[in-house]
Amino acid sequence: MKLKDQHCQVFYDKLTFIYLEMPNFKKAESELETDFDKWMYVLRHLPYLQNLPAALQERIFQKLFEAAEIARFDAEEKLPPGMRRV
């Protein structure tokens, strides 16, 4: 989607909005071919993943999965080890 003026003329072609409809992404893990496919897959399925799938073993996805694990921690788990209740 590009920004247009009242006469439907694009007035700034350097800014484009892209809308992703996540429910329409239906590829299975075995069908992932491109980096875009992998990102769509992980964004759609991240809340349901217990382990990082074989198709997403690149370092960027490992770091994303680690960050998602930390985000799931409760308040007690987020405290540094020396400050946690015993």
Protein backbone atom coordinates (compact mmCIF):
# COMPACT_ATOMS: atom_id res chain seq x y z
CA MET A 1 0.00 0.00 0.00
CA LYS A 2 1.45 3.38 -0.96
CA LEU A 3 0.51 6.81 0.28
CA LYS A 4 -1.74 8.64 -2.18
CA ASP A 5 -3.20 12.13 -2.25
CA GLN A 6 -6.86 13.06 -2.74
CA HIS A 7 -6.45 12.51 -6.50
CA CYS A 8 -5.17 8.94 -6.00
CA GLN A 9 -1.66 9.94 -7.08
CA VAL A 10 1.25 8.41 -5.16
CA PHE A 11 2.90 11.38 -3.48
CA TYR A 12 5.76 9.58 -1.74
CA ASP A 13 7.00 6.38 -3.36
CA LYS A 14 9.72 5.65 -0.79
CA LEU A 15 7.22 4.55 1.87
CA THR A 16 5.17 1.42 1.37
CA PHE A 17 3.02 -0.46 3.85
CA ILE A 18 2.82 -4.22 3.53
CA TYR A 19 0.06 -6.05 5.39
CA LEU A 20 0.58 -9.70 6.23
CA GLU A 21 -2.48 -11.84 6.74
CA MET A 22 -1.06 -14.47 9.07
CA PRO A 23 -4.15 -16.76 9.06
CA ASN A 24 -3.67 -17.16 5.29
CA PHE A 25 -0.15 -18.57 5.69
CA LYS A 26 -0.76 -22.30 5.63
CA LYS A 27 2.61 -23.84 4.73
CA ALA A 28 3.81 -26.76 6.80
CA GLU A 29 7.36 -26.95 8.14
CA SER A 30 8.34 -29.32 5.31
CA GLU A 31 7.18 -26.75 2.71
CA LEU A 32 9.36 -23.85 3.89
CA GLU A 33 11.65 -22.77 1.06
CA THR A 34 12.62 -19.11 1.51
CA ASP A 35 13.65 -16.97 4.47
CA PHE A 36 10.30 -15.20 4.12
CA ASP A 37 8.49 -18.54 4.48
CA LYS A 38 10.50 -19.32 7.60
CA TRP A 39 9.74 -15.93 9.20
CA MET A 40 6.04 -16.26 8.42
CA TYR A 41 6.01 -19.77 9.86
CA VAL A 42 7.78 -18.82 13.08
CA LEU A 43 5.64 -15.71 13.63
CA ARG A 44 2.45 -17.69 13.11
CA HIS A 45 3.44 -20.71 15.23
CA LEU A 46 5.73 -19.27 17.93
CA PRO A 47 3.17 -19.40 20.76
CA TYR A 48 2.67 -23.13 20.11
CA LEU A 49 6.27 -24.28 19.61
CA GLN A 50 7.93 -26.23 22.41
CA ASN A 51 11.20 -26.75 20.53
CA LEU A 52 12.80 -25.03 17.57
CA PRO A 53 11.81 -26.96 14.40
CA ALA A 54 14.54 -28.51 12.24
CA ALA A 55 13.80 -26.08 9.39
CA LEU A 56 14.56 -23.10 11.66
CA GLN A 57 18.03 -23.97 12.95
CA GLU A 58 19.71 -20.78 11.74
CA ARG A 59 21.23 -18.58 14.43
CA ILE A 60 18.64 -15.80 14.05
CA PHE A 61 15.78 -18.17 14.83
CA GLN A 62 17.69 -19.67 17.76
CA LYS A 63 18.08 -16.17 19.24
CA LEU A 64 14.40 -15.42 18.61
CA PHE A 65 13.38 -18.66 20.32
CA GLU A 66 15.62 -17.87 23.33
CA ALA A 67 14.08 -14.39 23.62
CA ALA A 68 10.59 -15.88 23.42
CA GLU A 69 11.46 -18.32 26.22
CA ILE A 70 12.60 -15.45 28.45
CA ALA A 71 9.44 -13.49 27.66
CA ARG A 72 7.41 -16.43 29.02
CA PHE A 73 9.10 -16.27 32.43
CA ASP A 74 7.04 -15.18 35.43
CA ALA A 75 8.22 -12.24 37.58
CA GLU A 76 10.22 -14.49 39.93
CA GLU A 77 12.10 -16.16 37.07
CA LYS A 78 13.02 -12.78 35.57
CA LEU A 79 14.93 -11.77 38.71
CA PRO A 80 18.71 -12.28 38.77
CA PRO A 81 19.67 -15.56 40.54
CA GLY A 82 20.87 -13.80 43.70
CA MET A 83 17.56 -11.99 44.18
CA ARG A 84 15.19 -14.96 43.80
CA ARG A 85 13.35 -16.41 46.78
CA VAL A 86 14.65 -19.71 47.99
